[in-house]
Protein backbone atom coordinates (compact mmCIF):
# COMPACT_ATOMS: atom_id res chain seq x y z
CA MET A 1 121.87 80.98 19.07
CA GLU A 2 123.55 79.20 16.16
CA ASP A 3 121.09 80.82 13.74
CA PHE A 4 121.93 84.25 15.19
CA LEU A 5 125.64 83.64 14.82
CA GLU A 6 125.23 82.41 11.27
CA THR A 7 123.08 85.42 10.40
CA SER A 8 125.62 87.78 11.99
CA GLN A 9 128.45 86.17 10.05
CA ASP A 10 126.50 86.43 6.82
CA LEU A 11 125.79 90.12 7.44
CA LEU A 12 129.40 90.71 8.39
CA PHE A 13 130.71 89.08 5.22
CA LEU A 14 128.08 90.93 3.20
CA TYR A 15 128.55 94.46 4.56
CA ALA A 16 132.12 94.46 5.91
CA PRO A 17 133.72 94.89 2.46
CA LYS A 18 131.27 97.70 1.66
CA VAL A 19 131.97 99.49 4.95
CA ILE A 20 135.72 99.09 4.55
CA THR A 21 135.54 100.30 0.96
CA ALA A 22 133.37 103.26 1.99
CA LEU A 23 135.84 104.24 4.72
CA LEU A 24 138.74 103.98 2.28
CA ILE A 25 136.87 106.17 -0.20
CA LEU A 26 136.13 108.66 2.59
CA PHE A 27 139.72 109.00 3.81
CA ILE A 28 141.24 108.97 0.32
CA GLY A 29 138.60 111.45 -0.87
CA LEU A 30 139.26 113.89 1.99
CA TYR A 31 142.98 113.71 1.27
CA ALA A 32 142.36 114.24 -2.44
CA ILE A 33 140.11 117.23 -1.72
CA LYS A 34 142.91 118.87 0.28
CA ILE A 35 145.32 118.36 -2.62
CA ILE A 36 142.80 119.70 -5.15
CA ILE A 37 142.10 122.82 -3.08
CA LYS A 38 145.81 123.43 -2.53
CA SER A 39 146.57 122.94 -6.24
CA SER A 40 143.73 125.22 -7.32
CA ARG A 41 144.96 127.98 -5.01
CA LYS A 42 148.49 127.68 -6.41
CA LEU A 43 147.08 127.86 -9.93
CA MET A 44 145.05 130.96 -9.06
CA GLN A 45 148.12 132.57 -7.48
CA LYS A 46 150.15 131.95 -10.65
CA ARG A 47 147.40 133.55 -12.73
CA GLY A 48 147.22 136.59 -10.46
CA VAL A 49 143.69 135.98 -9.16
CA ASP A 50 142.74 138.34 -6.33
CA ILE A 51 143.51 136.81 -2.91
CA THR A 52 139.93 137.44 -1.76
CA LEU A 53 138.56 135.46 -4.70
CA GLN A 54 141.17 132.74 -4.12
CA LYS A 55 139.94 132.05 -0.59
CA PHE A 56 136.28 132.27 -1.56
CA LEU A 57 136.62 129.86 -4.49
CA GLY A 58 138.77 127.54 -2.37
CA ASN A 59 136.03 127.31 0.25
CA LEU A 60 133.34 126.83 -2.40
CA ILE A 61 135.27 124.06 -4.18
CA GLY A 62 135.84 122.35 -0.83
CA TRP A 63 132.12 122.32 0.04
CA ILE A 64 131.08 121.01 -3.39
CA LEU A 65 133.66 118.22 -3.40
CA LYS A 66 132.74 117.15 0.15
CA VAL A 67 129.07 116.88 -0.79
CA LEU A 68 129.95 114.76 -3.84
CA LEU A 69 132.23 112.60 -1.66
CA PHE A 70 129.44 112.10 0.88
CA ILE A 71 127.05 110.95 -1.87
CA THR A 72 129.71 108.54 -3.19
CA VAL A 73 130.28 107.04 0.26
CA ILE A 74 126.55 106.62 0.86
CA SER A 75 126.05 104.92 -2.51
CA GLN A 76 128.94 102.56 -1.74
CA LEU A 77 127.09 101.44 1.39
CA GLY A 78 124.16 100.38 -0.77
CA VAL A 79 121.87 103.40 -0.49
CA ALA A 80 120.19 104.09 -3.85
CA THR A 81 121.42 107.42 -5.17
CA THR A 82 118.11 108.17 -6.89
CA SER A 83 116.11 107.91 -3.70
CA PHE A 84 118.90 109.63 -1.84
CA ALA A 85 118.83 112.48 -4.34
CA ALA A 86 115.09 112.84 -3.79
CA ILE A 87 115.67 112.93 -0.04
CA ILE A 88 118.38 115.58 -0.50
CA ALA A 89 116.06 117.65 -2.69
CA ALA A 90 113.24 117.50 -0.15
CA ALA A 91 115.63 118.21 2.70
CA GLY A 92 117.20 121.02 0.70
CA LEU A 93 113.81 122.66 0.21
CA ALA A 94 113.00 122.41 3.92
CA ILE A 95 116.44 123.62 4.93
CA GLY A 96 116.27 126.41 2.37
CA LEU A 97 113.01 127.70 3.83
CA ALA A 98 114.42 127.45 7.35
CA LEU A 99 117.73 129.05 6.46
CA GLN A 100 116.67 131.90 4.20
CA GLY A 101 119.06 134.21 6.04
CA SER A 102 121.99 131.88 5.42
CA LEU A 103 121.11 131.61 1.73
CA GLY A 104 120.96 135.40 1.63
CA ASN A 105 124.42 135.50 3.17
CA PHE A 106 125.68 133.07 0.54
CA ALA A 107 124.19 135.20 -2.23
CA GLY A 108 125.74 138.27 -0.60
CA GLY A 109 129.14 136.58 -0.62
CA VAL A 110 128.78 135.82 -4.32
CA LEU A 111 127.82 139.45 -5.03
CA ILE A 112 130.85 140.70 -3.08
CA MET A 113 133.07 138.41 -5.15
CA ILE A 114 131.54 139.58 -8.44
CA PHE A 115 131.41 143.34 -7.86
CA LYS A 116 134.39 143.54 -5.47
CA PRO A 117 133.38 146.56 -3.37
CA ILE A 118 135.97 145.38 -0.83
CA LYS A 119 139.00 143.11 -0.74
CA ILE A 120 141.28 141.64 1.90
CA GLY A 121 143.43 144.37 3.45
CA ASP A 122 140.94 147.21 2.89
CA PHE A 123 139.95 149.40 5.84
CA ILE A 124 136.17 149.76 5.74
CA GLU A 125 133.20 150.99 7.73
CA ALA A 126 130.02 148.92 7.48
CA GLN A 127 127.10 147.86 9.66
CA GLY A 128 128.27 150.18 12.43
CA GLU A 129 131.74 148.61 12.56
CA SER A 130 135.16 149.75 11.31
CA GLY A 131 138.18 147.59 10.63
CA THR A 132 140.54 145.94 8.17
CA VAL A 133 139.09 143.15 6.05
CA LYS A 134 140.74 139.96 7.28
CA GLU A 135 138.82 137.31 5.36
CA ILE A 136 135.78 137.02 3.08
CA GLU A 137 134.15 133.61 3.52
CA ILE A 138 131.08 132.04 1.91
CA PHE A 139 128.62 133.34 4.51
CA THR A 140 130.50 135.99 6.49
CA THR A 141 133.24 138.61 6.30
CA LYS A 142 135.75 139.06 9.12
CA LEU A 143 137.17 142.43 10.15
CA ASN A 144 140.03 143.30 12.48
CA THR A 145 139.25 146.49 14.39
CA PRO A 146 141.97 149.06 15.22
CA ASP A 147 141.99 147.79 18.83
CA ASN A 148 142.53 144.21 17.54
CA LYS A 149 139.06 142.75 17.93
CA GLU A 150 137.56 140.41 15.36
CA VAL A 151 134.16 141.40 13.99
CA ILE A 152 132.12 138.95 11.92
CA ILE A 153 129.54 140.51 9.59
CA PRO A 154 126.99 138.42 7.62
CA ASN A 155 127.53 138.84 3.89
CA GLY A 156 123.82 139.41 3.26
CA ALA A 157 123.75 142.50 5.46
CA LEU A 158 127.15 143.62 4.18
CA SER A 159 126.19 143.43 0.49
CA ASN A 160 122.83 145.16 1.05
CA GLY A 161 124.09 147.96 3.31
CA ASN A 162 126.31 150.98 2.93
CA ILE A 163 130.07 150.36 2.80
CA VAL A 164 132.64 153.11 3.30
CA ASN A 165 135.96 151.93 1.88
CA TYR A 166 138.86 154.09 3.08
CA SER A 167 141.45 152.15 1.07
CA THR A 168 140.12 152.59 -2.46
CA GLU A 169 141.65 156.02 -3.16
CA ALA A 170 145.37 156.81 -2.86
CA THR A 171 144.78 160.10 -0.98
CA ARG A 172 142.47 161.38 1.74
CA ARG A 173 141.46 164.81 2.97
CA VAL A 174 142.12 165.65 6.61
CA ASP A 175 139.69 168.20 8.11
CA PHE A 176 140.39 170.36 11.17
CA THR A 177 138.44 172.99 13.04
CA PHE A 178 140.39 175.42 15.25
CA GLY A 179 138.60 177.93 17.47
CA VAL A 180 140.28 181.12 18.75
CA GLY A 181 139.10 184.08 20.80
CA TYR A 182 137.16 186.98 19.27
CA ASP A 183 140.07 189.34 20.01
CA SER A 184 142.45 187.30 17.84
CA ASP A 185 143.87 188.67 14.60
CA ILE A 186 142.23 186.72 11.76
CA ARG A 187 145.06 187.14 9.26
CA LYS A 188 147.75 186.20 11.77
CA THR A 189 145.80 183.13 12.88
CA LYS A 190 145.43 181.93 9.31
CA GLU A 191 149.15 182.47 8.68
CA ILE A 192 150.08 180.38 11.73
CA ILE A 193 147.81 177.51 10.67
CA PHE A 194 149.18 177.68 7.11
CA ASP A 195 152.75 177.60 8.42
CA VAL A 196 152.10 174.49 10.52
CA ILE A 197 150.53 172.66 7.60
CA ASN A 198 153.05 173.75 4.96
CA ASN A 199 155.96 172.69 7.16
CA HIS A 200 154.62 169.18 7.70
CA PRO A 201 156.51 166.78 5.41
CA LEU A 202 153.60 164.37 4.91
CA ILE A 203 151.04 166.90 3.69
CA LEU A 204 150.68 167.01 -0.09
CA LYS A 205 151.13 170.23 -2.05
CA GLU A 206 148.35 169.29 -4.45
CA PRO A 207 145.43 169.63 -3.95
CA ALA A 208 146.17 172.88 -2.18
CA THR A 209 145.51 173.36 1.51
CA ALA A 210 142.60 175.62 2.50
CA VAL A 211 142.16 177.61 5.72
CA ASN A 212 138.89 179.55 5.97
CA LEU A 213 136.97 181.38 8.66
CA SER A 214 133.94 179.13 8.87
CA GLU A 215 131.88 180.18 11.89
CA LEU A 216 131.28 182.96 14.41
CA ALA A 217 130.42 180.72 17.33
CA ASP A 218 129.18 181.64 20.81
CA SER A 219 132.62 182.00 22.39
CA SER A 220 135.08 181.60 19.50
CA ILE A 221 135.72 182.21 15.84
CA ASN A 222 136.33 178.92 14.10
CA PHE A 223 138.70 178.21 11.23
CA PHE A 224 137.97 175.22 9.00
CA THR A 225 141.12 173.68 7.54
CA ARG A 226 141.48 171.08 4.77
CA ALA A 227 144.70 169.29 3.86
CA TRP A 228 145.42 166.29 1.61
CA VAL A 229 147.62 163.34 2.51
CA LYS A 230 148.38 159.80 1.39
CA LYS A 231 145.84 157.42 2.88
CA GLU A 232 148.44 155.67 5.06
CA ASP A 233 149.52 159.02 6.60
CA TYR A 234 146.03 160.16 7.63
CA TRP A 235 146.18 159.60 11.39
CA THR A 236 149.82 160.65 11.75
CA VAL A 237 149.07 163.99 10.10
CA LYS A 238 145.85 164.51 12.00
CA PHE A 239 147.47 164.08 15.41
CA ASP A 240 150.62 166.03 14.48
CA VAL A 241 148.78 169.06 13.10
CA ILE A 242 146.43 169.35 16.09
CA GLU A 243 149.35 169.27 18.53
CA GLN A 244 151.62 171.57 16.51
CA THR A 245 148.85 174.13 15.86
CA LYS A 246 148.04 174.33 19.56
CA GLU A 247 151.72 174.94 20.36
CA ALA A 248 152.06 177.57 17.59
CA LEU A 249 148.96 179.47 18.69
CA ASP A 250 150.14 179.45 22.31
CA ALA A 251 153.57 180.74 21.27
CA ALA A 252 151.92 183.59 19.33
CA GLY A 253 149.74 184.54 22.29
CA ILE A 254 146.51 183.67 20.48
CA ASP A 255 143.87 182.52 22.92
CA ILE A 256 141.92 179.29 22.49
CA PRO A 257 138.83 179.97 24.62
CA TYR A 258 137.29 177.60 27.10
CA PRO A 259 133.55 176.89 26.96
CA HIS A 260 131.64 179.60 28.83
CA ARG A 261 128.84 179.04 31.29
CA VAL A 262 126.80 181.84 32.74
CA ASN A 263 125.02 181.37 36.05
CA ILE A 264 122.11 183.69 36.84
CA ASN A 265 121.07 183.97 40.47
CA LYS A 266 117.73 185.57 41.26
CA THR A 267 117.44 187.41 44.55
CA GLU A 268 114.17 188.34 46.10
């Protein structure tokens, strides 16, 4: 029993300073990492670095510094860094093979940062989802949908797939199709549609609006209309013009036909 106590005391005196020192390094290191990340973000803000790149680099710096801190703490506890490095390399190879998708997502995040097809605040359509880019992280990109849901898309799939960015250009074209009855006056119908569009304050004068007879359908003649607006006015104009055109056509006595269905009854 005395030998056990003596051995325990010897081990305690031997390793206690190392453990205490390692814990101090850990807590001080984590605090220092927070300060470094915060300072680097302030520096990037002063230099006008894109906010998307700021967050991405902040996350990347944080991960690298935490790995270095972990190695420092382990070495302080007496683990040989050379053997530990070999273990990390072997583990890294095994993890890399097991997490090829995650590495692809990391590479995708880097590509997004380099080529910048999207940035925070853009409204995009990708991987079957639409929404505003909320955050671009190391492995994933977060979107906020119009109905306020969060969608998380892996960066690998995002960088390798098609991306429709609705925020890149300052203007957008709004397309409409209006169908009226075959008895309607074509010229009068076009004038009414033109009047509605030209009187809307948010529709741009250039490029010019176009109203064309586009189709002789089964139960209607269809007019295809194109108008240009600022990107932020797209949905306001779309809803307004549909409503106002319907009211103007009704006031002019121009019929908007219902779908027709013909029933054929056979009698013997």
